[in-house]
């Protein structure tokens, strides 16, 4: 049985623990905040997790999976600190969603065993994992990571080189920047923007990728469109004013009850549970379709 040690018991770390347990993987978990650790320990979902109070207590582990806050300095310090705790055979995975792996391992002695494994939220449901090696990552650790993820029914994609934000978040960032710009410029309301995205791109992307769709529509047709539209697209290199204003007003989204939407009267736990059910249905439908067409 494979043994993973998750560092960080927040939203992502807890979801990963849940998934690994269901995949019959032995799970140890380090969460530095006592209140959060006790909260997880009291949850029956995690009764098979081995909770540790010091990272070095994790013995005979195949993978260390870092799931701490998205802060470059914190991740750098963590990997530098634990580098001597584990043998060279232990693979170190960072769940960063944006930072270059080479930047994270800047001061790590054994850089060759660190690799990016970008899981997507909700991690206990969403299949894709972007596997991102740096120029230092050893091929044995790359293959070990890919084999492990495939064995637990994740869908890993190995990127050929590292880049800020990897692939999915670069696509998402481009889309969200244009979405904010359209709302900011009074073209459409927040609700209308999301409605359009869900009922056009959303349903189509679950079945057909953007480049495949270009082939289906015709690249000549697409060329005529982009020559006309590209010059008008949002191309700012700084956060947009609409985003900055939300930050200034401490409207961080669901976590503070206000963002683009008012979440104060929403049963958030039930809302997200309902979303997960829909997502699972979509995943099952897409998987069945891929099997039918032989993808």
Protein backbone atom coordinates (compact mmCIF):
# COMPACT_ATOMS: atom_id res chain seq x y z
CA UNK A 1 0.00 0.00 0.00
CA UNK A 2 1.27 3.46 -0.94
CA UNK A 3 1.75 5.91 1.93
CA UNK A 4 1.36 9.68 1.47
CA UNK A 5 1.92 12.41 4.01
CA UNK A 6 -0.14 15.53 3.40
CA UNK A 7 1.20 18.78 4.81
CA UNK A 8 -1.68 21.18 5.38
CA UNK A 9 -5.20 20.25 6.44
CA UNK A 10 -7.11 23.11 4.86
CA UNK A 11 -9.73 22.87 2.12
CA UNK A 12 -7.38 21.23 -0.39
CA UNK A 13 -5.46 19.03 2.04
CA UNK A 14 -8.65 17.63 3.55
CA UNK A 15 -10.11 16.91 0.10
CA UNK A 16 -6.93 15.09 -0.91
CA UNK A 17 -6.99 13.03 2.28
CA UNK A 18 -10.58 12.03 1.53
CA UNK A 19 -9.73 10.99 -2.01
CA UNK A 20 -6.63 9.00 -1.03
CA UNK A 21 -8.52 7.13 1.69
CA UNK A 22 -11.21 6.15 -0.81
CA UNK A 23 -8.44 4.94 -3.15
CA UNK A 24 -7.04 2.73 -0.35
CA UNK A 25 -3.89 4.79 0.16
CA UNK A 26 -2.40 5.11 3.64
CA UNK A 27 -2.64 8.76 4.72
CA UNK A 28 -0.75 10.73 7.33
CA UNK A 29 -1.57 14.39 7.78
CA UNK A 30 0.25 17.29 9.41
CA UNK A 31 -1.77 20.37 10.30
CA UNK A 32 0.05 22.93 12.43
CA UNK A 33 -3.05 24.67 13.77
CA UNK A 34 -4.43 22.71 16.73
CA UNK A 35 -8.02 23.87 16.28
CA UNK A 36 -8.13 22.75 12.64
CA UNK A 37 -6.37 19.47 13.44
CA UNK A 38 -8.88 18.67 16.17
CA UNK A 39 -11.75 19.57 13.85
CA UNK A 40 -10.50 17.06 11.28
CA UNK A 41 -9.85 14.40 13.92
CA UNK A 42 -13.44 14.72 15.13
CA UNK A 43 -14.79 14.14 11.61
CA UNK A 44 -15.62 10.47 10.92
CA UNK A 45 -14.52 10.97 7.31
CA UNK A 46 -10.91 11.13 8.48
CA UNK A 47 -10.94 8.44 11.18
CA UNK A 48 -8.41 6.34 9.24
CA UNK A 49 -5.98 9.25 8.85
CA UNK A 50 -2.85 9.17 11.00
CA UNK A 51 -2.55 12.71 12.37
CA UNK A 52 0.94 13.85 13.29
CA UNK A 53 2.13 16.88 15.26
CA UNK A 54 5.60 17.02 13.70
CA UNK A 55 6.38 16.38 10.04
CA UNK A 56 9.40 14.23 10.85
CA UNK A 57 7.06 11.75 12.58
CA UNK A 58 5.97 10.54 9.15
CA UNK A 59 7.91 7.32 8.51
CA UNK A 60 8.28 5.07 5.46
CA UNK A 61 6.34 7.44 3.24
CA UNK A 62 6.31 7.33 -0.57
CA UNK A 63 5.07 10.87 -1.21
CA UNK A 64 5.07 14.14 0.70
CA UNK A 65 2.22 16.27 -0.67
CA UNK A 66 2.39 19.94 0.29
CA UNK A 67 -1.00 21.64 0.47
CA UNK A 68 -0.26 24.77 2.46
CA UNK A 69 -1.23 28.36 1.67
CA UNK A 70 -0.34 29.68 -1.82
CA UNK A 71 2.65 31.71 -0.66
CA UNK A 72 6.01 31.30 -2.35
CA UNK A 73 8.14 32.06 0.71
CA UNK A 74 6.16 29.63 2.88
CA UNK A 75 6.57 26.84 0.35
CA UNK A 76 10.28 27.54 -0.11
CA UNK A 77 10.86 27.45 3.63
CA UNK A 78 8.86 24.24 4.07
CA UNK A 79 10.76 22.22 1.46
CA UNK A 80 14.10 23.57 2.61
CA UNK A 81 13.24 22.57 6.20
CA UNK A 82 12.05 19.02 5.51
CA UNK A 83 14.73 18.15 2.94
CA UNK A 84 16.83 16.23 5.49
CA UNK A 85 13.88 14.47 7.16
CA UNK A 86 13.31 11.88 4.43
CA UNK A 87 15.41 9.52 2.27
CA UNK A 88 16.12 10.29 -1.38
CA UNK A 89 13.44 7.80 -2.47
CA UNK A 90 10.66 9.99 -1.04
CA UNK A 91 9.04 12.16 -3.71
CA UNK A 92 8.14 15.72 -2.68
CA UNK A 93 5.00 17.08 -4.39
CA UNK A 94 3.87 20.69 -4.24
CA UNK A 95 0.24 21.50 -4.93
CA UNK A 96 1.03 25.03 -6.04
CA UNK A 97 -1.39 26.36 -8.63
CA UNK A 98 0.85 29.07 -10.03
CA UNK A 99 4.48 29.21 -8.84
CA UNK A 100 7.40 27.82 -10.84
CA UNK A 101 8.69 24.61 -9.26
CA UNK A 102 12.25 25.83 -9.85
CA UNK A 103 11.47 28.91 -7.73
CA UNK A 104 10.04 26.81 -4.90
CA UNK A 105 13.18 24.60 -4.77
CA UNK A 106 15.60 27.50 -5.07
CA UNK A 107 17.28 26.73 -1.73
CA UNK A 108 16.48 23.01 -1.52
CA UNK A 109 19.47 20.69 -1.57
CA UNK A 110 17.76 17.69 -3.20
CA UNK A 111 15.95 19.56 -5.98
CA UNK A 112 15.70 16.44 -8.12
CA UNK A 113 12.87 14.89 -6.07
CA UNK A 114 10.51 17.88 -6.04
CA UNK A 115 7.67 17.95 -8.56
CA UNK A 116 4.46 19.92 -9.01
CA UNK A 117 1.17 18.04 -8.68
CA UNK A 118 -1.55 20.59 -9.28
CA UNK A 119 -4.81 19.03 -8.12
CA UNK A 120 -8.05 20.83 -8.93
CA UNK A 121 -10.77 21.77 -6.49
CA UNK A 122 -12.78 19.89 -5.37
CA UNK A 123 -9.81 17.52 -5.30
CA UNK A 124 -11.81 14.51 -4.10
CA UNK A 125 -13.92 14.70 -7.28
CA UNK A 126 -12.09 16.50 -10.11
CA UNK A 127 -9.94 13.95 -12.00
CA UNK A 128 -7.26 16.13 -13.64
CA UNK A 129 -3.82 16.66 -12.12
CA UNK A 130 -1.20 18.81 -13.85
CA UNK A 131 2.19 17.18 -13.20
CA UNK A 132 4.91 19.81 -13.49
CA UNK A 133 8.60 18.93 -13.20
CA UNK A 134 11.32 21.55 -13.05
CA UNK A 135 14.55 21.25 -14.99
CA UNK A 136 16.01 19.65 -11.85
CA UNK A 137 13.38 16.93 -11.38
CA UNK A 138 14.69 13.40 -11.82
CA UNK A 139 12.91 11.20 -14.38
CA UNK A 140 12.42 8.43 -11.79
CA UNK A 141 10.37 10.75 -9.59
CA UNK A 142 8.38 11.91 -12.62
CA UNK A 143 7.50 8.34 -13.62
CA UNK A 144 6.76 7.36 -10.02
CA UNK A 145 4.34 10.27 -9.69
CA UNK A 146 2.56 9.58 -12.97
CA UNK A 147 2.20 5.88 -12.17
CA UNK A 148 0.82 6.58 -8.70
CA UNK A 149 -1.77 9.09 -9.94
CA UNK A 150 -2.91 6.76 -12.71
CA UNK A 151 -3.20 3.89 -10.22
CA UNK A 152 -5.72 5.85 -8.12
CA UNK A 153 -7.83 6.86 -11.15
CA UNK A 154 -6.68 10.45 -11.44
CA UNK A 155 -6.04 11.84 -14.93
CA UNK A 156 -2.48 13.23 -14.81
CA UNK A 157 -1.05 15.30 -17.65
CA UNK A 158 2.72 15.78 -17.72
CA UNK A 159 3.66 19.29 -18.85
CA UNK A 160 6.68 19.50 -21.12
CA UNK A 161 8.06 22.55 -19.33
CA UNK A 162 7.10 24.74 -16.38
CA UNK A 163 5.39 28.11 -16.79
CA UNK A 164 3.68 30.45 -14.32
CA UNK A 165 0.12 29.27 -13.69
CA UNK A 166 0.74 26.07 -15.73
CA UNK A 167 -2.00 25.44 -18.33
CA UNK A 168 -5.46 25.33 -16.73
CA UNK A 169 -4.97 28.41 -14.57
CA UNK A 170 -3.57 30.38 -17.49
CA UNK A 171 -6.71 29.54 -19.47
CA UNK A 172 -8.87 30.37 -16.46
CA UNK A 173 -7.01 33.64 -15.80
CA UNK A 174 -7.48 34.80 -19.39
CA UNK A 175 -11.19 34.01 -19.23
CA UNK A 176 -11.77 35.62 -15.82
CA UNK A 177 -9.85 38.77 -16.85
CA UNK A 178 -12.07 39.23 -19.89
CA UNK A 179 -15.17 38.43 -17.79
CA UNK A 180 -14.28 41.09 -15.19
CA UNK A 181 -13.53 43.59 -17.96
CA UNK A 182 -16.93 43.06 -19.59
CA UNK A 183 -18.70 43.60 -16.25
CA UNK A 184 -16.48 46.57 -15.38
CA UNK A 185 -17.25 48.24 -18.72
CA UNK A 186 -21.00 47.84 -18.29
CA UNK A 187 -21.45 45.41 -21.17
CA UNK A 188 -23.22 42.82 -19.03
CA UNK A 189 -24.08 42.17 -15.37
CA UNK A 190 -22.28 39.64 -13.17
CA UNK A 191 -25.27 37.29 -13.26
CA UNK A 192 -25.67 37.60 -17.03
CA UNK A 193 -21.96 37.03 -17.62
CA UNK A 194 -21.99 33.78 -15.64
CA UNK A 195 -25.22 32.67 -17.32
CA UNK A 196 -23.68 33.18 -20.77
CA UNK A 197 -20.48 31.36 -19.80
CA UNK A 198 -22.32 28.37 -18.33
CA UNK A 199 -24.78 27.93 -21.19
CA UNK A 200 -22.30 28.39 -24.03
CA UNK A 201 -18.66 27.72 -23.19
CA UNK A 202 -19.45 25.70 -20.06
CA UNK A 203 -21.59 22.99 -21.58
CA UNK A 204 -19.42 22.84 -24.70
CA UNK A 205 -16.06 22.65 -22.94
CA UNK A 206 -17.28 19.63 -20.98
CA UNK A 207 -17.46 17.82 -24.32
CA UNK A 208 -15.09 19.60 -26.71
CA UNK A 209 -11.78 21.37 -26.01
CA UNK A 210 -11.12 24.88 -27.39
CA UNK A 211 -8.67 23.76 -30.11
CA UNK A 212 -10.86 20.85 -31.21
CA UNK A 213 -13.76 23.30 -31.44
CA UNK A 214 -11.67 25.56 -33.69
CA UNK A 215 -11.11 22.60 -36.03
CA UNK A 216 -14.82 21.79 -36.02
CA UNK A 217 -15.80 25.40 -36.79
CA UNK A 218 -13.02 25.88 -39.34
CA UNK A 219 -9.69 27.60 -38.74
CA UNK A 220 -10.34 29.97 -41.65
CA UNK A 221 -13.55 31.13 -39.98
CA UNK A 222 -11.73 31.53 -36.69
CA UNK A 223 -8.99 33.59 -38.38
CA UNK A 224 -11.58 36.05 -39.66
CA UNK A 225 -13.06 36.37 -36.15
CA UNK A 226 -9.78 36.87 -34.29
CA UNK A 227 -8.48 39.53 -36.67
CA UNK A 228 -11.57 41.55 -35.80
CA UNK A 229 -11.90 40.68 -32.08
CA UNK A 230 -8.33 40.23 -30.76
CA UNK A 231 -7.49 43.97 -30.83
CA UNK A 232 -10.48 44.67 -28.55
CA UNK A 233 -9.80 42.01 -25.90
CA UNK A 234 -8.72 42.96 -22.38
CA UNK A 235 -4.92 42.77 -22.26
CA UNK A 236 -4.07 44.47 -18.96
CA UNK A 237 -1.04 43.14 -17.10
CA UNK A 238 -2.25 44.32 -13.69
CA UNK A 239 -5.36 43.34 -11.69
CA UNK A 240 -8.39 45.21 -13.02
CA UNK A 241 -9.95 48.08 -11.00
CA UNK A 242 -13.13 46.06 -10.41
CA UNK A 243 -11.02 43.35 -8.73
CA UNK A 244 -8.92 45.83 -6.77
CA UNK A 245 -12.06 47.53 -5.46
CA UNK A 246 -13.45 44.25 -4.16
CA UNK A 247 -10.15 43.64 -2.33
CA UNK A 248 -10.19 47.14 -0.83
CA UNK A 249 -13.70 46.51 0.49
CA UNK A 250 -12.64 43.10 1.86
CA UNK A 251 -15.16 41.37 -0.38
CA UNK A 252 -13.18 38.18 -0.93
CA UNK A 253 -16.10 36.03 -2.05
CA UNK A 254 -17.93 33.25 -0.26
CA UNK A 255 -15.47 33.23 2.66
CA UNK A 256 -16.49 36.79 3.64
CA UNK A 257 -20.12 36.50 2.45
CA UNK A 258 -19.57 39.10 -0.28
CA UNK A 259 -17.67 39.13 -3.54
CA UNK A 260 -19.30 39.55 -6.93
CA UNK A 261 -22.31 37.96 -5.22
CA UNK A 262 -23.97 38.25 -1.83
CA UNK A 263 -23.54 34.87 -0.06
CA UNK A 264 -24.83 35.96 3.35
CA UNK A 265 -28.18 34.16 3.06
CA UNK A 266 -26.84 31.04 1.36
CA UNK A 267 -26.41 27.69 3.10
CA UNK A 268 -22.87 27.40 1.78
CA UNK A 269 -22.24 23.81 2.85
CA UNK A 270 -25.39 22.60 1.12
CA UNK A 271 -24.78 24.82 -1.91
CA UNK A 272 -21.30 23.36 -2.45
CA UNK A 273 -22.56 19.83 -1.83
CA UNK A 274 -25.17 20.32 -4.55
CA UNK A 275 -22.49 21.70 -6.89
CA UNK A 276 -20.36 18.61 -6.26
CA UNK A 277 -23.24 16.31 -7.23
CA UNK A 278 -23.70 18.18 -10.52
CA UNK A 279 -19.95 18.09 -11.17
CA UNK A 280 -19.82 14.37 -10.54
CA UNK A 281 -22.67 13.82 -13.02
CA UNK A 282 -20.81 15.87 -15.62
CA UNK A 283 -17.58 13.90 -15.04
CA UNK A 284 -19.41 10.61 -15.42
CA UNK A 285 -21.09 11.80 -18.62
CA UNK A 286 -17.82 13.06 -20.14
CA UNK A 287 -16.02 9.82 -19.17
CA UNK A 288 -18.72 7.73 -20.82
CA UNK A 289 -18.56 9.87 -23.96
CA UNK A 290 -14.74 9.61 -24.12
CA UNK A 291 -14.97 5.82 -23.82
CA UNK A 292 -17.54 5.72 -26.61
CA UNK A 293 -15.39 7.65 -29.06
CA UNK A 294 -12.20 5.89 -27.95
CA UNK A 295 -10.37 8.84 -26.39
